[in-house]
PDB file of N, CA and C in Angstrom:
ATOM      1  N   MET A   1      -1.380  11.453 -16.314  1.00  0.00           N
ATOM      2  CA  MET A   1      -0.347  10.722 -15.668  1.00  0.00           C
ATOM      3  C   MET A   1      -0.929   9.376 -15.103  1.00  0.00           C
ATOM      4  N   ALA A   2      -0.175   8.383 -15.272  1.00  0.00           N
ATOM      5  CA  ALA A   2      -0.427   7.118 -15.077  1.00  0.00           C
ATOM      6  C   ALA A   2      -0.791   6.677 -13.704  1.00  0.00           C
ATOM      7  N   GLN A   3      -1.682   5.881 -13.386  1.00  0.00           N
ATOM      8  CA  GLN A   3      -2.029   5.628 -11.974  1.00  0.00           C
ATOM      9  C   GLN A   3      -0.813   4.727 -11.491  1.00  0.00           C
ATOM     10  N   THR A   4      -0.457   5.209 -10.211  1.00  0.00           N
ATOM     11  CA  THR A   4       0.660   4.446  -9.665  1.00  0.00           C
ATOM     12  C   THR A   4       0.290   3.507  -8.519  1.00  0.00           C
ATOM     13  N   ASN A   5       1.100   2.693  -8.070  1.00  0.00           N
ATOM     14  CA  ASN A   5       0.622   1.794  -6.973  1.00  0.00           C
ATOM     15  C   ASN A   5       0.329   2.783  -5.795  1.00  0.00           C
ATOM     16  N   ALA A   6       1.034   3.789  -5.464  1.00  0.00           N
ATOM     17  CA  ALA A   6       0.641   4.607  -4.445  1.00  0.00           C
ATOM     18  C   ALA A   6      -0.813   5.088  -4.656  1.00  0.00           C
ATOM     19  N   GLY A   7      -1.278   5.554  -5.632  1.00  0.00           N
ATOM     20  CA  GLY A   7      -2.654   6.184  -5.863  1.00  0.00           C
ATOM     21  C   GLY A   7      -3.702   4.937  -5.643  1.00  0.00           C
ATOM     22  N   VAL A   8      -3.358   3.658  -6.186  1.00  0.00           N
ATOM     23  CA  VAL A   8      -4.310   2.659  -5.927  1.00  0.00           C
ATOM     24  C   VAL A   8      -4.407   2.261  -4.536  1.00  0.00           C
ATOM     25  N   LEU A   9      -3.283   2.306  -3.689  1.00  0.00           N
ATOM     26  CA  LEU A   9      -3.418   1.986  -2.378  1.00  0.00           C
ATOM     27  C   LEU A   9      -4.199   2.935  -1.671  1.00  0.00           C
ATOM     28  N   ARG A  10      -4.029   4.209  -1.820  1.00  0.00           N
ATOM     29  CA  ARG A  10      -4.673   5.271  -1.184  1.00  0.00           C
ATOM     30  C   ARG A  10      -6.083   5.366  -1.468  1.00  0.00           C
ATOM     31  N   GLN A  11      -6.394   5.327  -2.857  1.00  0.00           N
ATOM     32  CA  GLN A  11      -7.822   5.216  -3.236  1.00  0.00           C
ATOM     33  C   GLN A  11      -8.729   4.060  -2.752  1.00  0.00           C
ATOM     34  N   GLN A  12      -8.003   2.878  -2.529  1.00  0.00           N
ATOM     35  CA  GLN A  12      -8.768   1.618  -2.121  1.00  0.00           C
ATOM     36  C   GLN A  12      -8.984   1.718  -0.588  1.00  0.00           C
ATOM     37  N   ARG A  13      -7.991   2.494   0.079  1.00  0.00           N
ATOM     38  CA  ARG A  13      -8.052   2.581   1.612  1.00  0.00           C
ATOM     39  C   ARG A  13      -9.338   3.539   1.848  1.00  0.00           C
ATOM     40  N   LEU A  14      -9.277   4.603   1.040  1.00  0.00           N
ATOM     41  CA  LEU A  14     -10.406   5.567   1.371  1.00  0.00           C
ATOM     42  C   LEU A  14     -11.668   5.002   0.977  1.00  0.00           C
ATOM     43  N   ARG A  15     -11.699   4.245  -0.139  1.00  0.00           N
ATOM     44  CA  ARG A  15     -13.014   3.705  -0.678  1.00  0.00           C
ATOM     45  C   ARG A  15     -13.741   2.710   0.516  1.00  0.00           C
ATOM     46  N   LEU A  16     -12.749   2.139   1.314  1.00  0.00           N
ATOM     47  CA  LEU A  16     -13.136   1.152   2.200  1.00  0.00           C
ATOM     48  C   LEU A  16     -13.279   1.845   3.663  1.00  0.00           C
ATOM     49  N   GLY A  17     -13.122   3.152   3.626  1.00  0.00           N
ATOM     50  CA  GLY A  17     -13.376   3.963   4.943  1.00  0.00           C
ATOM     51  C   GLY A  17     -12.318   3.593   5.962  1.00  0.00           C
ATOM     52  N   MET A  18     -10.946   3.086   5.440  1.00  0.00           N
ATOM     53  CA  MET A  18     -10.081   2.766   6.564  1.00  0.00           C
ATOM     54  C   MET A  18      -9.039   4.096   6.656  1.00  0.00           C
ATOM     55  N   THR A  19      -8.623   4.150   8.023  1.00  0.00           N
ATOM     56  CA  THR A  19      -7.318   5.061   8.270  1.00  0.00           C
ATOM     57  C   THR A  19      -6.233   4.227   8.076  1.00  0.00           C
ATOM     58  N   LEU A  20      -5.182   5.021   8.109  1.00  0.00           N
ATOM     59  CA  LEU A  20      -3.692   4.558   7.929  1.00  0.00           C
ATOM     60  C   LEU A  20      -3.539   3.420   9.179  1.00  0.00           C
ATOM     61  N   GLU A  21      -4.160   3.802  10.282  1.00  0.00           N
ATOM     62  CA  GLU A  21      -4.045   3.020  11.677  1.00  0.00           C
ATOM     63  C   GLU A  21      -4.844   1.570  11.450  1.00  0.00           C
ATOM     64  N   ASP A  22      -5.998   1.716  10.624  1.00  0.00           N
ATOM     65  CA  ASP A  22      -6.812   0.584  10.467  1.00  0.00           C
ATOM     66  C   ASP A  22      -5.958  -0.345   9.540  1.00  0.00           C
ATOM     67  N   VAL A  23      -5.355   0.032   8.485  1.00  0.00           N
ATOM     68  CA  VAL A  23      -4.468  -0.812   7.667  1.00  0.00           C
ATOM     69  C   VAL A  23      -3.429  -1.352   8.487  1.00  0.00           C
ATOM     70  N   VAL A  24      -2.615  -0.642   9.253  1.00  0.00           N
ATOM     71  CA  VAL A  24      -1.591  -1.047  10.129  1.00  0.00           C
ATOM     72  C   VAL A  24      -2.003  -2.269  10.789  1.00  0.00           C
ATOM     73  N   ALA A  25      -3.205  -2.134  11.687  1.00  0.00           N
ATOM     74  CA  ALA A  25      -3.846  -3.080  12.606  1.00  0.00           C
ATOM     75  C   ALA A  25      -4.030  -4.310  11.616  1.00  0.00           C
ATOM     76  N   LYS A  26      -4.760  -4.163  10.573  1.00  0.00           N
ATOM     77  CA  LYS A  26      -5.142  -5.361   9.703  1.00  0.00           C
ATOM     78  C   LYS A  26      -3.851  -6.082   9.332  1.00  0.00           C
ATOM     79  N   CYS A  27      -2.893  -5.159   8.972  1.00  0.00           N
ATOM     80  CA  CYS A  27      -1.727  -6.033   8.383  1.00  0.00           C
ATOM     81  C   CYS A  27      -1.056  -6.764   9.538  1.00  0.00           C
ATOM     82  N   ALA A  28      -1.089  -6.278  10.853  1.00  0.00           N
ATOM     83  CA  ALA A  28      -0.633  -6.826  12.044  1.00  0.00           C
ATOM     84  C   ALA A  28      -1.341  -8.238  12.156  1.00  0.00           C
ATOM     85  N   GLU A  29      -2.566  -8.234  11.993  1.00  0.00           N
ATOM     86  CA  GLU A  29      -3.473  -9.487  11.987  1.00  0.00           C
ATOM     87  C   GLU A  29      -3.052 -10.530  11.120  1.00  0.00           C
ATOM     88  N   GLU A  30      -2.550 -10.130   9.889  1.00  0.00           N
ATOM     89  CA  GLU A  30      -2.007 -10.918   8.682  1.00  0.00           C
ATOM     90  C   GLU A  30      -0.471 -11.305   9.178  1.00  0.00           C
ATOM     91  N   GLY A  31       0.037 -10.740  10.058  1.00  0.00           N
ATOM     92  CA  GLY A  31       1.388 -11.141  10.608  1.00  0.00           C
ATOM     93  C   GLY A  31       2.488 -10.318   9.893  1.00  0.00           C
ATOM     94  N   VAL A  32       2.059  -9.168   9.314  1.00  0.00           N
ATOM     95  CA  VAL A  32       3.019  -8.188   8.469  1.00  0.00           C
ATOM     96  C   VAL A  32       3.012  -7.098   9.265  1.00  0.00           C
ATOM     97  N   LYS A  33       4.151  -6.606   9.633  1.00  0.00           N
ATOM     98  CA  LYS A  33       4.441  -5.435  10.429  1.00  0.00           C
ATOM     99  C   LYS A  33       4.627  -4.165   9.537  1.00  0.00           C
ATOM    100  N   VAL A  34       4.080  -3.065   9.638  1.00  0.00           N
ATOM    101  CA  VAL A  34       4.189  -1.808   9.028  1.00  0.00           C
ATOM    102  C   VAL A  34       3.904  -0.773   9.991  1.00  0.00           C
ATOM    103  N   HIS A  35       4.628   0.287   9.919  1.00  0.00           N
ATOM    104  CA  HIS A  35       4.347   1.522  10.686  1.00  0.00           C
ATOM    105  C   HIS A  35       3.488   2.507   9.883  1.00  0.00           C
ATOM    106  N   ASN A  36       2.579   3.159  10.307  1.00  0.00           N
ATOM    107  CA  ASN A  36       1.656   4.185   9.651  1.00  0.00           C
ATOM    108  C   ASN A  36       2.689   5.094   8.972  1.00  0.00           C
ATOM    109  N   SER A  37       3.860   5.558   9.491  1.00  0.00           N
ATOM    110  CA  SER A  37       4.517   6.591   8.644  1.00  0.00           C
ATOM    111  C   SER A  37       5.237   5.848   7.317  1.00  0.00           C
ATOM    112  N   GLN A  38       5.458   4.446   7.445  1.00  0.00           N
ATOM    113  CA  GLN A  38       5.928   3.803   6.342  1.00  0.00           C
ATOM    114  C   GLN A  38       4.795   3.727   5.228  1.00  0.00           C
ATOM    115  N   LEU A  39       3.595   3.328   5.754  1.00  0.00           N
ATOM    116  CA  LEU A  39       2.399   3.168   4.933  1.00  0.00           C
ATOM    117  C   LEU A  39       2.206   4.639   4.290  1.00  0.00           C
ATOM    118  N   SER A  40       2.327   5.610   4.990  1.00  0.00           N
ATOM    119  CA  SER A  40       2.042   6.834   4.423  1.00  0.00           C
ATOM    120  C   SER A  40       3.093   7.164   3.247  1.00  0.00           C
ATOM    121  N   ARG A  41       4.304   6.811   3.530  1.00  0.00           N
ATOM    122  CA  ARG A  41       5.445   7.124   2.602  1.00  0.00           C
ATOM    123  C   ARG A  41       5.007   6.177   1.208  1.00  0.00           C
ATOM    124  N   ILE A  42       4.785   4.992   1.443  1.00  0.00           N
ATOM    125  CA  ILE A  42       4.322   4.202   0.238  1.00  0.00           C
ATOM    126  C   ILE A  42       3.205   4.663  -0.551  1.00  0.00           C
ATOM    127  N   GLU A  43       1.985   5.092   0.202  1.00  0.00           N
ATOM    128  CA  GLU A  43       0.951   5.789  -0.458  1.00  0.00           C
ATOM    129  C   GLU A  43       1.343   7.004  -1.374  1.00  0.00           C
ATOM    130  N   ARG A  44       2.328   7.888  -0.796  1.00  0.00           N
ATOM    131  CA  ARG A  44       2.774   9.129  -1.475  1.00  0.00           C
ATOM    132  C   ARG A  44       3.676   8.757  -2.618  1.00  0.00           C
ATOM    133  N   GLY A  45       4.224   7.512  -2.603  1.00  0.00           N
ATOM    134  CA  GLY A  45       5.054   7.152  -3.825  1.00  0.00           C
ATOM    135  C   GLY A  45       6.592   7.375  -3.387  1.00  0.00           C
ATOM    136  N   LYS A  46       6.648   7.464  -2.122  1.00  0.00           N
ATOM    137  CA  LYS A  46       8.142   7.913  -1.472  1.00  0.00           C
ATOM    138  C   LYS A  46       8.887   6.661  -1.099  1.00  0.00           C
ATOM    139  N   ALA A  47       8.258   5.482  -1.308  1.00  0.00           N
ATOM    140  CA  ALA A  47       8.759   4.199  -0.880  1.00  0.00           C
ATOM    141  C   ALA A  47       7.981   3.108  -1.562  1.00  0.00           C
ATOM    142  N   GLN A  48       8.759   1.975  -1.691  1.00  0.00           N
ATOM    143  CA  GLN A  48       8.039   0.718  -2.315  1.00  0.00           C
ATOM    144  C   GLN A  48       7.943  -0.367  -1.326  1.00  0.00           C
ATOM    145  N   PRO A  49       6.873  -0.962  -1.316  1.00  0.00           N
ATOM    146  CA  PRO A  49       6.698  -1.959  -0.258  1.00  0.00           C
ATOM    147  C   PRO A  49       7.453  -3.216  -0.583  1.00  0.00           C
ATOM    148  N   ARG A  50       8.288  -3.873   0.226  1.00  0.00           N
ATOM    149  CA  ARG A  50       8.762  -5.226  -0.139  1.00  0.00           C
ATOM    150  C   ARG A  50       7.717  -6.214  -0.381  1.00  0.00           C
ATOM    151  N   PRO A  51       8.185  -7.267  -0.948  1.00  0.00           N
ATOM    152  CA  PRO A  51       7.036  -8.473  -1.410  1.00  0.00           C
ATOM    153  C   PRO A  51       6.304  -8.700  -0.379  1.00  0.00           C
ATOM    154  N   ARG A  52       6.666  -9.059   0.813  1.00  0.00           N
ATOM    155  CA  ARG A  52       5.793  -9.651   1.861  1.00  0.00           C
ATOM    156  C   ARG A  52       4.694  -8.624   2.344  1.00  0.00           C
ATOM    157  N   LEU A  53       5.243  -7.200   2.492  1.00  0.00           N
ATOM    158  CA  LEU A  53       4.457  -6.294   2.958  1.00  0.00           C
ATOM    159  C   LEU A  53       3.237  -5.980   1.583  1.00  0.00           C
ATOM    160  N   ARG A  54       3.747  -6.102   0.443  1.00  0.00           N
ATOM    161  CA  ARG A  54       3.029  -5.861  -0.690  1.00  0.00           C
ATOM    162  C   ARG A  54       1.869  -6.837  -0.744  1.00  0.00           C
ATOM    163  N   ALA A  55       2.190  -8.211  -0.582  1.00  0.00           N
ATOM    164  CA  ALA A  55       1.101  -9.113  -0.394  1.00  0.00           C
ATOM    165  C   ALA A  55       0.025  -9.022   0.556  1.00  0.00           C
ATOM    166  N   GLY A  56       0.659  -8.608   1.984  1.00  0.00           N
ATOM    167  CA  GLY A  56      -0.229  -8.252   2.918  1.00  0.00           C
ATOM    168  C   GLY A  56      -1.258  -7.045   2.781  1.00  0.00           C
ATOM    169  N   LEU A  57      -0.752  -5.942   2.108  1.00  0.00           N
ATOM    170  CA  LEU A  57      -1.574  -4.891   1.851  1.00  0.00           C
ATOM    171  C   LEU A  57      -2.709  -5.446   0.727  1.00  0.00           C
ATOM    172  N   ALA A  58      -2.219  -6.068  -0.155  1.00  0.00           N
ATOM    173  CA  ALA A  58      -3.162  -6.515  -1.103  1.00  0.00           C
ATOM    174  C   ALA A  58      -4.356  -7.264  -0.630  1.00  0.00           C
ATOM    175  N   ARG A  59      -3.960  -8.158   0.432  1.00  0.00           N
ATOM    176  CA  ARG A  59      -5.006  -8.850   1.173  1.00  0.00           C
ATOM    177  C   ARG A  59      -5.831  -7.921   1.979  1.00  0.00           C
ATOM    178  N   VAL A  60      -5.350  -7.312   2.696  1.00  0.00           N
ATOM    179  CA  VAL A  60      -6.108  -6.096   3.549  1.00  0.00           C
ATOM    180  C   VAL A  60      -6.829  -5.393   2.744  1.00  0.00           C
ATOM    181  N   LEU A  61      -6.627  -4.782   1.650  1.00  0.00           N
ATOM    182  CA  LEU A  61      -7.267  -3.815   0.910  1.00  0.00           C
ATOM    183  C   LEU A  61      -7.992  -4.522  -0.087  1.00  0.00           C
ATOM    184  N   GLY A  62      -7.934  -5.901  -0.376  1.00  0.00           N
ATOM    185  CA  GLY A  62      -8.744  -6.350  -1.368  1.00  0.00           C
ATOM    186  C   GLY A  62      -8.420  -6.111  -2.767  1.00  0.00           C
ATOM    187  N   LEU A  63      -6.989  -5.909  -2.978  1.00  0.00           N
ATOM    188  CA  LEU A  63      -6.409  -5.601  -4.316  1.00  0.00           C
ATOM    189  C   LEU A  63      -5.668  -6.785  -4.783  1.00  0.00           C
ATOM    190  N   ASP A  64      -5.561  -6.798  -6.101  1.00  0.00           N
ATOM    191  CA  ASP A  64      -4.618  -7.797  -6.735  1.00  0.00           C
ATOM    192  C   ASP A  64      -3.292  -7.365  -6.566  1.00  0.00           C
ATOM    193  N   VAL A  65      -2.365  -8.214  -6.192  1.00  0.00           N
ATOM    194  CA  VAL A  65      -0.930  -7.977  -5.940  1.00  0.00           C
ATOM    195  C   VAL A  65      -0.340  -7.236  -7.132  1.00  0.00           C
ATOM    196  N   LEU A  66      -0.822  -7.603  -8.424  1.00  0.00           N
ATOM    197  CA  LEU A  66      -0.302  -7.067  -9.514  1.00  0.00           C
ATOM    198  C   LEU A  66      -0.479  -5.559  -9.605  1.00  0.00           C
ATOM    199  N   ALA A  67      -1.397  -4.977  -8.785  1.00  0.00           N
ATOM    200  CA  ALA A  67      -1.763  -3.602  -8.951  1.00  0.00           C
ATOM    201  C   ALA A  67      -0.473  -2.761  -8.322  1.00  0.00           C
ATOM    202  N   PHE A  68       0.253  -3.573  -7.564  1.00  0.00           N
ATOM    203  CA  PHE A  68       1.565  -2.789  -7.010  1.00  0.00           C
ATOM    204  C   PHE A  68       2.604  -2.900  -8.179  1.00  0.00           C
ATOM    205  N   ASP A  69       2.467  -3.490  -9.220  1.00  0.00           N
ATOM    206  CA  ASP A  69       3.457  -3.728 -10.218  1.00  0.00           C
ATOM    207  C   ASP A  69       3.350  -2.389 -11.267  1.00  0.00           C
ATOM    208  N   THR A  70       2.243  -1.645 -11.144  1.00  0.00           N
ATOM    209  CA  THR A  70       2.111  -0.478 -11.889  1.00  0.00           C
ATOM    210  C   THR A  70       2.968   0.688 -11.363  1.00  0.00           C
ATOM    211  N   GLN A  71       4.014   1.067 -11.648  1.00  0.00           N
ATOM    212  CA  GLN A  71       5.029   1.944 -11.129  1.00  0.00           C
ATOM    213  C   GLN A  71       5.158   2.954 -12.091  1.00  0.00           C
ATOM    214  N   GLU A  72       5.386   4.211 -11.618  1.00  0.00           N
ATOM    215  CA  GLU A  72       5.959   5.254 -12.361  1.00  0.00           C
ATOM    216  C   GLU A  72       7.475   5.026 -12.830  1.00  0.00           C
ATOM    217  N   SER A  73       7.741   5.300 -14.130  1.00  0.00           N
ATOM    218  CA  SER A  73       9.072   5.165 -14.357  1.00  0.00           C
ATOM    219  C   SER A  73      10.071   6.463 -14.010  1.00  0.00           C
ATOM    220  N   GLY A  74      11.228   6.104 -13.610  1.00  0.00           N
ATOM    221  CA  GLY A  74      12.152   7.262 -13.169  1.00  0.00           C
ATOM    222  C   GLY A  74      11.912   7.611 -11.751  1.00  0.00           C
ATOM    223  N   GLY A  75      11.044   6.738 -10.928  1.00  0.00           N
ATOM    224  CA  GLY A  75      10.722   7.088  -9.531  1.00  0.00           C
ATOM    225  C   GLY A  75      12.165   6.729  -8.709  1.00  0.00           C
ATOM    226  N   GLU A  76      12.237   7.567  -7.686  1.00  0.00           N
ATOM    227  CA  GLU A  76      13.374   7.208  -6.868  1.00  0.00           C
ATOM    228  C   GLU A  76      13.049   6.143  -5.924  1.00  0.00           C
ATOM    229  N   SER A  77      14.035   5.307  -5.466  1.00  0.00           N
ATOM    230  CA  SER A  77      13.730   4.066  -4.540  1.00  0.00           C
ATOM    231  C   SER A  77      14.189   4.352  -3.104  1.00  0.00           C
TER     232      SER A  77
END
């Protein structure tokens, strides 16, 4: 199975030793609001982040924003 943006997010968050709450707090510092339940849904592939959140998550997690463009085809929005 291809690596999805959800998998990339979760793996990087865990690699950095961050909790969902840590990421939410860092996003808030970046001026991007996200709730931990929304972040969890994004990590599980149940939701897609909007462009501003996508950029904020990339900065917080040290990822290339293009990592979010690797999506499974046929997924529900």
